[in-house]
Amino acid sequence: MERKIIWREVRGYFFMLVACCAYACSTSLFLAPNSIVAGGISGLSVMLNILNGKLKIGMMVILLNIPILLLGLRLQGWKFIFRCLVTIVALGVVTDLFAYIKPITDNPLLASLYGGVCQGIGIGLFVKYEFSSGGTELLGRVVARMTPVLKIPVCVGILDAIIVVLGAIVTESPDNMLYALIVIFASTKVSEVVLTGLEKSKLCFIITDKGCEISDLLVHKSPRGVTMLQGQGMYTNKGHDVLLTCVKNRQLTQLKQLVNSVDPTAFMIINESFEVRGKGFQSLQADVDAVITKKQKTVIESDTAKEIACAKSPSTENQKD
């Protein structure tokens, strides 16, 4: 078990470095050379670099994050802050190293798109492997704690919006706000793909009076399982079978054909499902293993030991006898 924990930490730090490289690529090769201020501490660093070219963007990322880390120390704890510090230092160093590479494009529209893609890869990997680069996300947590009326996403959005507007003023280009929106949109979509994968699924509810026939057909001719629930139509006050199944996108047409072959009057509700775990899909155990840290493992073992001790010890009533 110890070996698994060590391997998980090594893998986590490896992908943290990959995320830093992707994020640094976005800043140094696309956004900064085209004077695009896209929000966040990296955007603020780009803006300061525009005002004074002698200021290194990576170094500014580190320096600007230090007071934010100190503010978040009490809120998040030193272990989280330490991981943030390691990430921030790595990100700052890689960002300044990438600055020596020749920019890939001088087209601001393409730069904002490609920069958003690289940034999304970095953000997705940070979240997936439980790392944080601090910045406005951590500062938003601190602000939200001081002002309970505002939620964390609102605080982060306000902070990023302020930086984007200031960037438009500094660059004297209102177009900067448009480019920033492109970066944010692209990074959001790409980070979502990194977190959930390309293989999305559909959650399907099938309301029918031929539940047994349809379920038998799906079990034998469909690669997915099915669960039958009981429902009642409130307009007709009549009972119906409700079949619940989850299929991959490419299997949806086959599912419709199978249902239609048995009951053309069946009522189907199809929802987008961004993450499915279990038999036939990605294993749930992998996510469970990724969440259990060494501290949690110790707690689990401690609780198990207590249960065994309680089971072996005589009851209080027997002791009295």
C-alpha atoms as a PDB file:
ATOM      1  CA  MET A   1       0.000   0.000   0.000  1.00  0.00           C
ATOM      2  CA  GLU A   2       2.891   2.349   0.815  1.00  0.00           C
ATOM      3  CA  ARG A   3       4.337   1.739  -2.642  1.00  0.00           C
ATOM      4  CA  LYS A   4       1.013   2.687  -4.238  1.00  0.00           C
ATOM      5  CA  ILE A   5       0.897   5.937  -2.261  1.00  0.00           C
ATOM      6  CA  ILE A   6       4.468   6.822  -3.256  1.00  0.00           C
ATOM      7  CA  TRP A   7       3.774   5.997  -6.901  1.00  0.00           C
ATOM      8  CA  ARG A   8       0.603   8.115  -6.828  1.00  0.00           C
ATOM      9  CA  GLU A   9       2.539  11.085  -5.429  1.00  0.00           C
ATOM     10  CA  VAL A  10       5.318  10.691  -8.022  1.00  0.00           C
ATOM     11  CA  ARG A  11       2.758  10.469 -10.804  1.00  0.00           C
ATOM     12  CA  GLY A  12       0.936  13.502  -9.422  1.00  0.00           C
ATOM     13  CA  TYR A  13       4.077  15.652  -9.368  1.00  0.00           C
ATOM     14  CA  PHE A  14       5.016  14.460 -12.861  1.00  0.00           C
ATOM     15  CA  PHE A  15       1.698  15.574 -14.304  1.00  0.00           C
ATOM     16  CA  MET A  16       1.962  18.787 -12.270  1.00  0.00           C
ATOM     17  CA  LEU A  17       5.153  19.544 -14.221  1.00  0.00           C
ATOM     18  CA  VAL A  18       3.391  18.684 -17.479  1.00  0.00           C
ATOM     19  CA  ALA A  19       0.587  21.054 -16.484  1.00  0.00           C
ATOM     20  CA  CYS A  20       3.116  23.793 -15.709  1.00  0.00           C
ATOM     21  CA  CYS A  21       4.700  23.324 -19.143  1.00  0.00           C
ATOM     22  CA  ALA A  22       1.299  23.551 -20.855  1.00  0.00           C
ATOM     23  CA  TYR A  23       0.333  26.657 -18.875  1.00  0.00           C
ATOM     24  CA  ALA A  24       3.736  28.255 -19.463  1.00  0.00           C
ATOM     25  CA  CYS A  25       3.424  27.511 -23.171  1.00  0.00           C
ATOM     26  CA  SER A  26       0.121  29.392 -23.191  1.00  0.00           C
ATOM     27  CA  THR A  27       1.607  32.417 -21.454  1.00  0.00           C
ATOM     28  CA  SER A  28       5.081  32.655 -23.017  1.00  0.00           C
ATOM     29  CA  LEU A  29       4.445  31.457 -26.579  1.00  0.00           C
ATOM     30  CA  PHE A  30       0.969  32.823 -27.290  1.00  0.00           C
ATOM     31  CA  LEU A  31      -0.494  35.370 -24.871  1.00  0.00           C
ATOM     32  CA  ALA A  32       2.479  37.483 -23.747  1.00  0.00           C
ATOM     33  CA  PRO A  33       4.030  37.965 -27.235  1.00  0.00           C
ATOM     34  CA  ASN A  34       0.656  39.230 -28.475  1.00  0.00           C
ATOM     35  CA  SER A  35       0.004  41.404 -25.379  1.00  0.00           C
ATOM     36  CA  ILE A  36      -3.133  39.457 -24.405  1.00  0.00           C
ATOM     37  CA  VAL A  37      -4.122  39.846 -20.746  1.00  0.00           C
ATOM     38  CA  ALA A  38      -6.448  36.934 -20.036  1.00  0.00           C
ATOM     39  CA  GLY A  39      -7.002  37.200 -16.291  1.00  0.00           C
ATOM     40  CA  GLY A  40      -5.438  35.433 -13.352  1.00  0.00           C
ATOM     41  CA  ILE A  41      -2.059  36.119 -11.795  1.00  0.00           C
ATOM     42  CA  SER A  42      -0.370  35.112 -15.038  1.00  0.00           C
ATOM     43  CA  GLY A  43      -2.454  37.741 -16.839  1.00  0.00           C
ATOM     44  CA  LEU A  44      -1.523  40.329 -14.246  1.00  0.00           C
ATOM     45  CA  SER A  45       2.137  39.385 -14.713  1.00  0.00           C
ATOM     46  CA  VAL A  46       1.790  39.806 -18.480  1.00  0.00           C
ATOM     47  CA  MET A  47       0.296  43.257 -17.901  1.00  0.00           C
ATOM     48  CA  LEU A  48       3.206  44.262 -15.651  1.00  0.00           C
ATOM     49  CA  ASN A  49       5.616  42.991 -18.286  1.00  0.00           C
ATOM     50  CA  ILE A  50       3.896  45.198 -20.869  1.00  0.00           C
ATOM     51  CA  LEU A  51       4.367  48.205 -18.580  1.00  0.00           C
ATOM     52  CA  ASN A  52       7.984  47.315 -17.839  1.00  0.00           C
ATOM     53  CA  GLY A  53       9.725  44.856 -20.150  1.00  0.00           C
ATOM     54  CA  LYS A  54      12.483  44.239 -17.595  1.00  0.00           C
ATOM     55  CA  LEU A  55      10.040  42.411 -15.311  1.00  0.00           C
ATOM     56  CA  LYS A  56      10.113  38.659 -15.947  1.00  0.00           C
ATOM     57  CA  ILE A  57       6.637  37.144 -16.176  1.00  0.00           C
ATOM     58  CA  GLY A  58       7.547  33.927 -14.364  1.00  0.00           C
ATOM     59  CA  MET A  59       9.261  35.774 -11.539  1.00  0.00           C
ATOM     60  CA  MET A  60       6.245  38.058 -11.167  1.00  0.00           C
ATOM     61  CA  VAL A  61       3.974  34.987 -10.989  1.00  0.00           C
ATOM     62  CA  ILE A  62       5.999  33.742  -8.013  1.00  0.00           C
ATOM     63  CA  LEU A  63       6.238  37.104  -6.234  1.00  0.00           C
ATOM     64  CA  LEU A  64       2.560  38.002  -6.674  1.00  0.00           C
ATOM     65  CA  ASN A  65       1.462  34.603  -5.375  1.00  0.00           C
ATOM     66  CA  ILE A  66       3.489  34.731  -2.146  1.00  0.00           C
ATOM     67  CA  PRO A  67       1.155  37.156  -0.286  1.00  0.00           C
ATOM     68  CA  ILE A  68      -1.852  35.183  -1.578  1.00  0.00           C
ATOM     69  CA  LEU A  69      -0.352  31.985  -0.155  1.00  0.00           C
ATOM     70  CA  LEU A  70       0.188  33.692   3.193  1.00  0.00           C
ATOM     71  CA  LEU A  71      -3.440  34.828   3.220  1.00  0.00           C
ATOM     72  CA  GLY A  72      -4.626  31.319   2.374  1.00  0.00           C
ATOM     73  CA  LEU A  73      -2.394  29.549   4.908  1.00  0.00           C
ATOM     74  CA  ARG A  74      -4.938  29.660   7.718  1.00  0.00           C
ATOM     75  CA  LEU A  75      -7.822  28.797   5.424  1.00  0.00           C
ATOM     76  CA  GLN A  76      -6.281  25.858   3.543  1.00  0.00           C
ATOM     77  CA  GLY A  77      -3.567  24.528   5.844  1.00  0.00           C
ATOM     78  CA  TRP A  78       0.172  24.284   5.321  1.00  0.00           C
ATOM     79  CA  LYS A  79       0.114  21.031   3.298  1.00  0.00           C
ATOM     80  CA  PHE A  80      -2.110  22.524   0.615  1.00  0.00           C
ATOM     81  CA  ILE A  81      -0.100  25.760   0.619  1.00  0.00           C
ATOM     82  CA  PHE A  82       3.153  23.809   0.302  1.00  0.00           C
ATOM     83  CA  ARG A  83       1.852  22.001  -2.788  1.00  0.00           C
ATOM     84  CA  CYS A  84       0.727  25.367  -4.166  1.00  0.00           C
ATOM     85  CA  LEU A  85       4.177  26.849  -3.528  1.00  0.00           C
ATOM     86  CA  VAL A  86       5.923  23.981  -5.327  1.00  0.00           C
ATOM     87  CA  THR A  87       3.537  24.362  -8.267  1.00  0.00           C
ATOM     88  CA  ILE A  88       3.938  28.133  -8.415  1.00  0.00           C
ATOM     89  CA  VAL A  89       7.752  27.982  -8.338  1.00  0.00           C
ATOM     90  CA  ALA A  90       7.774  25.331 -11.063  1.00  0.00           C
ATOM     91  CA  LEU A  91       5.306  27.351 -13.139  1.00  0.00           C
ATOM     92  CA  GLY A  92       7.306  30.562 -12.745  1.00  0.00           C
ATOM     93  CA  VAL A  93      10.618  28.925 -13.701  1.00  0.00           C
ATOM     94  CA  VAL A  94       9.175  27.118 -16.730  1.00  0.00           C
ATOM     95  CA  THR A  95       7.378  30.290 -17.869  1.00  0.00           C
ATOM     96  CA  ASP A  96      10.635  32.272 -17.936  1.00  0.00           C
ATOM     97  CA  LEU A  97      12.450  29.417 -19.684  1.00  0.00           C
ATOM     98  CA  PHE A  98       9.776  29.234 -22.390  1.00  0.00           C
ATOM     99  CA  ALA A  99      10.141  32.983 -22.925  1.00  0.00           C
ATOM    100  CA  TYR A 100      13.425  32.275 -24.777  1.00  0.00           C
ATOM    101  CA  ILE A 101      11.528  30.284 -27.430  1.00  0.00           C
ATOM    102  CA  LYS A 102      10.410  32.164 -30.524  1.00  0.00           C
ATOM    103  CA  PRO A 103       6.632  32.908 -30.443  1.00  0.00           C
ATOM    104  CA  ILE A 104       4.607  30.589 -32.660  1.00  0.00           C
ATOM    105  CA  THR A 105       2.170  33.146 -34.090  1.00  0.00           C
ATOM    106  CA  ASP A 106       1.676  36.907 -34.200  1.00  0.00           C
ATOM    107  CA  ASN A 107      -2.030  36.609 -34.955  1.00  0.00           C
ATOM    108  CA  PRO A 108      -3.837  37.584 -31.715  1.00  0.00           C
ATOM    109  CA  LEU A 109      -6.952  35.608 -32.632  1.00  0.00           C
ATOM    110  CA  LEU A 110      -5.010  32.389 -33.183  1.00  0.00           C
ATOM    111  CA  ALA A 111      -2.827  33.158 -30.167  1.00  0.00           C
ATOM    112  CA  SER A 112      -5.873  33.474 -27.892  1.00  0.00           C
ATOM    113  CA  LEU A 113      -7.319  30.212 -29.235  1.00  0.00           C
ATOM    114  CA  TYR A 114      -4.117  28.183 -28.963  1.00  0.00           C
ATOM    115  CA  GLY A 115      -3.276  29.845 -25.661  1.00  0.00           C
ATOM    116  CA  GLY A 116      -6.684  28.850 -24.292  1.00  0.00           C
ATOM    117  CA  VAL A 117      -6.147  25.247 -25.393  1.00  0.00           C
ATOM    118  CA  CYS A 118      -2.748  25.031 -23.672  1.00  0.00           C
ATOM    119  CA  GLN A 119      -4.103  26.766 -20.586  1.00  0.00           C
ATOM    120  CA  GLY A 120      -7.040  24.337 -20.473  1.00  0.00           C
ATOM    121  CA  ILE A 121      -4.685  21.362 -20.550  1.00  0.00           C
ATOM    122  CA  GLY A 122      -2.750  22.837 -17.633  1.00  0.00           C
ATOM    123  CA  ILE A 123      -5.840  23.661 -15.567  1.00  0.00           C
ATOM    124  CA  GLY A 124      -7.375  20.247 -16.234  1.00  0.00           C
ATOM    125  CA  LEU A 125      -4.245  18.430 -15.086  1.00  0.00           C
ATOM    126  CA  PHE A 126      -3.940  20.657 -11.996  1.00  0.00           C
ATOM    127  CA  VAL A 127      -7.494  19.817 -10.938  1.00  0.00           C
ATOM    128  CA  LYS A 128      -7.284  16.133 -11.883  1.00  0.00           C
ATOM    129  CA  TYR A 129      -4.178  15.542  -9.779  1.00  0.00           C
ATOM    130  CA  GLU A 130      -5.257  17.842  -6.933  1.00  0.00           C
ATOM    131  CA  PHE A 131      -2.725  20.615  -7.408  1.00  0.00           C
ATOM    132  CA  SER A 132      -3.321  24.343  -7.413  1.00  0.00           C
ATOM    133  CA  SER A 133      -1.356  27.215  -8.881  1.00  0.00           C
ATOM    134  CA  GLY A 134      -2.809  29.623  -6.320  1.00  0.00           C
ATOM    135  CA  GLY A 135      -3.596  32.893  -8.049  1.00  0.00           C
ATOM    136  CA  THR A 136      -7.083  34.362  -8.239  1.00  0.00           C
ATOM    137  CA  GLU A 137      -8.625  30.967  -7.441  1.00  0.00           C
ATOM    138  CA  LEU A 138      -7.016  30.882  -3.990  1.00  0.00           C
ATOM    139  CA  LEU A 139      -7.513  34.612  -3.494  1.00  0.00           C
ATOM    140  CA  GLY A 140     -11.180  34.138  -4.385  1.00  0.00           C
ATOM    141  CA  ARG A 141     -11.483  31.581  -1.588  1.00  0.00           C
ATOM    142  CA  VAL A 142     -10.003  34.062   0.891  1.00  0.00           C
ATOM    143  CA  VAL A 143     -12.266  36.891  -0.273  1.00  0.00           C
ATOM    144  CA  ALA A 144     -15.334  34.625  -0.168  1.00  0.00           C
ATOM    145  CA  ARG A 145     -14.493  33.703   3.437  1.00  0.00           C
ATOM    146  CA  MET A 146     -14.317  37.391   4.400  1.00  0.00           C
ATOM    147  CA  THR A 147     -17.514  38.263   2.502  1.00  0.00           C
ATOM    148  CA  PRO A 148     -19.953  35.348   2.962  1.00  0.00           C
ATOM    149  CA  VAL A 149     -22.459  37.013   0.639  1.00  0.00           C
ATOM    150  CA  LEU A 150     -20.250  36.233  -2.393  1.00  0.00           C
ATOM    151  CA  LYS A 151     -19.581  32.679  -3.521  1.00  0.00           C
ATOM    152  CA  ILE A 152     -16.096  31.520  -4.559  1.00  0.00           C
ATOM    153  CA  PRO A 153     -16.799  31.389  -8.342  1.00  0.00           C
ATOM    154  CA  VAL A 154     -18.254  34.913  -8.180  1.00  0.00           C
ATOM    155  CA  CYS A 155     -15.179  36.234  -6.361  1.00  0.00           C
ATOM    156  CA  VAL A 156     -12.804  34.562  -8.822  1.00  0.00           C
ATOM    157  CA  GLY A 157     -14.845  35.915 -11.744  1.00  0.00           C
ATOM    158  CA  ILE A 158     -14.774  39.452 -10.352  1.00  0.00           C
ATOM    159  CA  LEU A 159     -11.008  39.335  -9.767  1.00  0.00           C
ATOM    160  CA  ASP A 160     -10.329  37.986 -13.263  1.00  0.00           C
ATOM    161  CA  ALA A 161     -12.678  40.554 -14.814  1.00  0.00           C
ATOM    162  CA  ILE A 162     -10.825  43.388 -13.056  1.00  0.00           C
ATOM    163  CA  ILE A 163      -7.506  42.131 -14.441  1.00  0.00           C
ATOM    164  CA  VAL A 164      -8.941  41.779 -17.959  1.00  0.00           C
ATOM    165  CA  VAL A 165     -10.373  45.316 -17.895  1.00  0.00           C
ATOM    166  CA  LEU A 166      -7.088  46.722 -16.571  1.00  0.00           C
ATOM    167  CA  GLY A 167      -5.312  44.828 -19.351  1.00  0.00           C
ATOM    168  CA  ALA A 168      -7.536  46.477 -21.958  1.00  0.00           C
ATOM    169  CA  ILE A 169      -6.698  49.874 -20.466  1.00  0.00           C
ATOM    170  CA  VAL A 170      -2.943  49.209 -20.324  1.00  0.00           C
ATOM    171  CA  THR A 171      -2.778  47.813 -23.870  1.00  0.00           C
ATOM    172  CA  GLU A 172      -5.158  50.555 -25.056  1.00  0.00           C
ATOM    173  CA  SER A 173      -7.057  47.859 -26.928  1.00  0.00           C
ATOM    174  CA  PRO A 174     -10.699  47.005 -26.137  1.00  0.00           C
ATOM    175  CA  ASP A 175     -10.167  43.926 -28.324  1.00  0.00           C
ATOM    176  CA  ASN A 176      -8.166  42.479 -25.434  1.00  0.00           C
ATOM    177  CA  MET A 177     -11.439  41.686 -23.657  1.00  0.00           C
ATOM    178  CA  LEU A 178     -12.631  39.699 -26.681  1.00  0.00           C
ATOM    179  CA  TYR A 179      -9.369  37.770 -26.848  1.00  0.00           C
ATOM    180  CA  ALA A 180      -9.596  37.094 -23.111  1.00  0.00           C
ATOM    181  CA  LEU A 181     -13.093  35.646 -23.563  1.00  0.00           C
ATOM    182  CA  ILE A 182     -11.772  33.340 -26.286  1.00  0.00           C
ATOM    183  CA  VAL A 183      -8.975  32.179 -23.970  1.00  0.00           C
ATOM    184  CA  ILE A 184     -11.418  31.544 -21.107  1.00  0.00           C
ATOM    185  CA  PHE A 185     -13.908  29.702 -23.335  1.00  0.00           C
ATOM    186  CA  ALA A 186     -11.250  27.484 -24.937  1.00  0.00           C
ATOM    187  CA  SER A 187      -9.542  26.712 -21.630  1.00  0.00           C
ATOM    188  CA  THR A 188     -12.872  25.810 -19.982  1.00  0.00           C
ATOM    189  CA  LYS A 189     -13.813  23.371 -22.746  1.00  0.00           C
ATOM    190  CA  VAL A 190     -10.372  21.761 -22.942  1.00  0.00           C
ATOM    191  CA  SER A 191     -10.029  21.392 -19.162  1.00  0.00           C
ATOM    192  CA  GLU A 192     -13.439  19.695 -19.141  1.00  0.00           C
ATOM    193  CA  VAL A 193     -12.177  17.188 -21.719  1.00  0.00           C
ATOM    194  CA  VAL A 194      -9.029  16.550 -19.650  1.00  0.00           C
ATOM    195  CA  LEU A 195     -11.134  15.869 -16.565  1.00  0.00           C
ATOM    196  CA  THR A 196     -13.946  13.773 -18.075  1.00  0.00           C
ATOM    197  CA  GLY A 197     -12.402  12.411 -21.268  1.00  0.00           C
ATOM    198  CA  LEU A 198     -13.658  12.453 -24.820  1.00  0.00           C
ATOM    199  CA  GLU A 199     -16.013   9.511 -24.337  1.00  0.00           C
ATOM    200  CA  LYS A 200     -19.231  11.068 -23.056  1.00  0.00           C
ATOM    201  CA  SER A 201     -22.349   9.064 -22.309  1.00  0.00           C
ATOM    202  CA  LYS A 202     -26.113   9.417 -22.335  1.00  0.00           C
ATOM    203  CA  LEU A 203     -28.390   8.753 -19.392  1.00  0.00           C
ATOM    204  CA  CYS A 204     -31.687   7.414 -20.722  1.00  0.00           C
ATOM    205  CA  PHE A 205     -35.075   7.019 -19.046  1.00  0.00           C
ATOM    206  CA  ILE A 206     -37.575   4.871 -20.967  1.00  0.00           C
ATOM    207  CA  ILE A 207     -41.203   5.093 -19.810  1.00  0.00           C
ATOM    208  CA  THR A 208     -43.216   2.226 -21.248  1.00  0.00           C
ATOM    209  CA  ASP A 209     -45.896  -0.380 -20.586  1.00  0.00           C
ATOM    210  CA  LYS A 210     -43.646  -3.118 -22.008  1.00  0.00           C
ATOM    211  CA  GLY A 211     -40.774  -2.872 -19.577  1.00  0.00           C
ATOM    212  CA  CYS A 212     -40.061  -6.604 -19.371  1.00  0.00           C
ATOM    213  CA  GLU A 213     -39.973  -7.065 -23.157  1.00  0.00           C
ATOM    214  CA  ILE A 214     -37.722  -4.054 -23.705  1.00  0.00           C
ATOM    215  CA  SER A 215     -35.398  -4.943 -20.837  1.00  0.00           C
ATOM    216  CA  ASP A 216     -35.030  -8.535 -22.101  1.00  0.00           C
ATOM    217  CA  LEU A 217     -34.168  -7.235 -25.569  1.00  0.00           C
ATOM    218  CA  LEU A 218     -31.647  -4.717 -24.192  1.00  0.00           C
ATOM    219  CA  VAL A 219     -29.986  -7.328 -22.005  1.00  0.00           C
ATOM    220  CA  HIS A 220     -29.507  -9.735 -24.919  1.00  0.00           C
ATOM    221  CA  LYS A 221     -28.775  -7.322 -27.791  1.00  0.00           C
ATOM    222  CA  SER A 222     -27.343  -4.237 -26.106  1.00  0.00           C
ATOM    223  CA  PRO A 223     -23.872  -4.062 -24.514  1.00  0.00           C
ATOM    224  CA  ARG A 224     -25.315  -2.109 -21.570  1.00  0.00           C
ATOM    225  CA  GLY A 225     -27.324  -3.144 -18.543  1.00  0.00           C
ATOM    226  CA  VAL A 226     -30.725  -1.791 -17.596  1.00  0.00           C
ATOM    227  CA  THR A 227     -32.555  -1.120 -14.321  1.00  0.00           C
ATOM    228  CA  MET A 228     -36.335  -1.189 -14.013  1.00  0.00           C
ATOM    229  CA  LEU A 229     -38.149   1.277 -11.780  1.00  0.00           C
ATOM    230  CA  GLN A 230     -41.828   1.716 -11.132  1.00  0.00           C
ATOM    231  CA  GLY A 231     -43.567   4.980 -11.932  1.00  0.00           C
ATOM    232  CA  GLN A 232     -47.073   6.360 -12.058  1.00  0.00           C
ATOM    233  CA  GLY A 233     -48.493   8.783 -14.584  1.00  0.00           C
ATOM    234  CA  MET A 234     -50.243  11.486 -12.581  1.00  0.00           C
ATOM    235  CA  TYR A 235     -52.500  12.542 -15.491  1.00  0.00           C
ATOM    236  CA  THR A 236     -53.880   9.051 -16.176  1.00  0.00           C
ATOM    237  CA  ASN A 237     -53.201   7.727 -12.657  1.00  0.00           C
ATOM    238  CA  LYS A 238     -51.820   4.623 -14.356  1.00  0.00           C
ATOM    239  CA  GLY A 239     -48.692   2.686 -13.477  1.00  0.00           C
ATOM    240  CA  HIS A 240     -45.784   2.484 -15.937  1.00  0.00           C
ATOM    241  CA  ASP A 241     -42.410   0.776 -16.135  1.00  0.00           C
ATOM    242  CA  VAL A 242     -39.439   3.128 -16.077  1.00  0.00           C
ATOM    243  CA  LEU A 243     -36.221   1.704 -17.496  1.00  0.00           C
ATOM    244  CA  LEU A 244     -32.939   3.362 -16.605  1.00  0.00           C
ATOM    245  CA  THR A 245     -29.825   2.760 -18.679  1.00  0.00           C
ATOM    246  CA  CYS A 246     -26.615   4.539 -19.576  1.00  0.00           C
ATOM    247  CA  VAL A 247     -25.007   4.159 -23.006  1.00  0.00           C
ATOM    248  CA  LYS A 248     -22.084   5.706 -24.835  1.00  0.00           C
ATOM    249  CA  ASN A 249     -22.897   8.295 -27.472  1.00  0.00           C
ATOM    250  CA  ARG A 250     -22.221   5.950 -30.371  1.00  0.00           C
ATOM    251  CA  GLN A 251     -24.666   3.382 -28.938  1.00  0.00           C
ATOM    252  CA  LEU A 252     -27.621   5.762 -28.651  1.00  0.00           C
ATOM    253  CA  THR A 253     -28.992   5.086 -32.147  1.00  0.00           C
ATOM    254  CA  GLN A 254     -28.969   1.340 -31.530  1.00  0.00           C
ATOM    255  CA  LEU A 255     -30.829   1.866 -28.239  1.00  0.00           C
ATOM    256  CA  LYS A 256     -33.554   3.900 -29.955  1.00  0.00           C
ATOM    257  CA  GLN A 257     -33.989   1.241 -32.633  1.00  0.00           C
ATOM    258  CA  LEU A 258     -34.310  -1.538 -30.071  1.00  0.00           C
ATOM    259  CA  VAL A 259     -36.872   0.368 -28.007  1.00  0.00           C
ATOM    260  CA  ASN A 260     -38.852   1.353 -31.090  1.00  0.00           C
ATOM    261  CA  SER A 261     -38.977  -2.271 -32.306  1.00  0.00           C
ATOM    262  CA  VAL A 262     -40.845  -3.287 -29.137  1.00  0.00           C
ATOM    263  CA  ASP A 263     -42.831  -0.188 -28.182  1.00  0.00           C
ATOM    264  CA  PRO A 264     -43.060   2.679 -30.700  1.00  0.00           C
ATOM    265  CA  THR A 265     -45.124   4.652 -28.172  1.00  0.00           C
ATOM    266  CA  ALA A 266     -42.429   4.533 -25.480  1.00  0.00           C
ATOM    267  CA  PHE A 267     -41.450   7.874 -23.936  1.00  0.00           C
ATOM    268  CA  MET A 268     -37.679   8.451 -23.799  1.00  0.00           C
ATOM    269  CA  ILE A 269     -35.774  11.102 -21.832  1.00  0.00           C
ATOM    270  CA  ILE A 270     -32.116  11.420 -22.814  1.00  0.00           C
ATOM    271  CA  ASN A 271     -29.698  13.455 -20.706  1.00  0.00           C
ATOM    272  CA  GLU A 272     -26.028  14.270 -21.153  1.00  0.00           C
ATOM    273  CA  SER A 273     -23.878  12.349 -18.692  1.00  0.00           C
ATOM    274  CA  PHE A 274     -20.380  13.767 -18.278  1.00  0.00           C
ATOM    275  CA  GLU A 275     -18.957  10.997 -16.128  1.00  0.00           C
ATOM    276  CA  VAL A 276     -19.954   7.355 -15.677  1.00  0.00           C
ATOM    277  CA  ARG A 277     -18.124   4.868 -13.475  1.00  0.00           C
ATOM    278  CA  GLY A 278     -18.761   1.145 -13.142  1.00  0.00           C
ATOM    279  CA  LYS A 279     -18.966  -2.041 -15.187  1.00  0.00           C
ATOM    280  CA  GLY A 280     -18.711  -1.375 -18.900  1.00  0.00           C
ATOM    281  CA  PHE A 281     -17.283   2.091 -18.284  1.00  0.00           C
ATOM    282  CA  GLN A 282     -14.190   3.395 -16.536  1.00  0.00           C
ATOM    283  CA  SER A 283     -13.474   1.658 -13.253  1.00  0.00           C
ATOM    284  CA  LEU A 284     -14.659   3.341 -10.057  1.00  0.00           C
ATOM    285  CA  GLN A 285     -11.747   1.824  -8.109  1.00  0.00           C
ATOM    286  CA  ALA A 286      -9.211   4.055  -9.886  1.00  0.00           C
ATOM    287  CA  ASP A 287     -10.961   7.191  -8.642  1.00  0.00           C
ATOM    288  CA  VAL A 288     -11.299   5.753  -5.140  1.00  0.00           C
ATOM    289  CA  ASP A 289      -7.591   4.916  -4.995  1.00  0.00           C
ATOM    290  CA  ALA A 290      -6.706   8.408  -6.181  1.00  0.00           C
ATOM    291  CA  VAL A 291      -8.682   9.998  -3.354  1.00  0.00           C
ATOM    292  CA  ILE A 292      -7.364   7.896  -0.459  1.00  0.00           C
ATOM    293  CA  THR A 293      -4.326   9.695   0.896  1.00  0.00           C
ATOM    294  CA  LYS A 294      -1.891   8.411   3.453  1.00  0.00           C
ATOM    295  CA  LYS A 295      -3.706  10.279   6.213  1.00  0.00           C
ATOM    296  CA  GLN A 296      -7.049   8.781   5.202  1.00  0.00           C
ATOM    297  CA  LYS A 297      -5.468   5.349   5.045  1.00  0.00           C
ATOM    298  CA  THR A 298      -4.262   5.750   8.632  1.00  0.00           C
ATOM    299  CA  VAL A 299      -7.743   6.792   9.764  1.00  0.00           C
ATOM    300  CA  ILE A 300      -9.319   3.795   8.014  1.00  0.00           C
ATOM    301  CA  GLU A 301      -6.831   1.373   9.555  1.00  0.00           C
ATOM    302  CA  SER A 302      -7.386   2.945  12.965  1.00  0.00           C
ATOM    303  CA  ASP A 303     -11.172   2.610  12.688  1.00  0.00           C
ATOM    304  CA  THR A 304     -10.811  -1.004  11.531  1.00  0.00           C
ATOM    305  CA  ALA A 305      -8.576  -1.808  14.489  1.00  0.00           C
ATOM    306  CA  LYS A 306     -11.114  -0.298  16.875  1.00  0.00           C
ATOM    307  CA  GLU A 307     -13.926  -2.357  15.351  1.00  0.00           C
ATOM    308  CA  ILE A 308     -11.885  -5.567  15.704  1.00  0.00           C
ATOM    309  CA  ALA A 309     -11.018  -4.708  19.299  1.00  0.00           C
ATOM    310  CA  CYS A 310     -14.666  -4.030  20.123  1.00  0.00           C
ATOM    311  CA  ALA A 311     -15.719  -7.291  18.513  1.00  0.00           C
ATOM    312  CA  LYS A 312     -13.188  -9.300  20.524  1.00  0.00           C
ATOM    313  CA  SER A 313     -13.810  -7.584  23.875  1.00  0.00           C
ATOM    314  CA  PRO A 314     -16.679  -8.845  26.115  1.00  0.00           C
ATOM    315  CA  SER A 315     -19.770  -6.696  26.338  1.00  0.00           C
ATOM    316  CA  THR A 316     -20.428  -4.389  29.225  1.00  0.00           C
ATOM    317  CA  GLU A 317     -23.296  -6.570  30.446  1.00  0.00           C
ATOM    318  CA  ASN A 318     -21.089  -9.645  30.565  1.00  0.00           C
ATOM    319  CA  GLN A 319     -18.488  -7.742  32.550  1.00  0.00           C
ATOM    320  CA  LYS A 320     -21.136  -6.810  35.103  1.00  0.00           C
ATOM    321  CA  ASP A 321     -22.219 -10.448  35.359  1.00  0.00           C
END
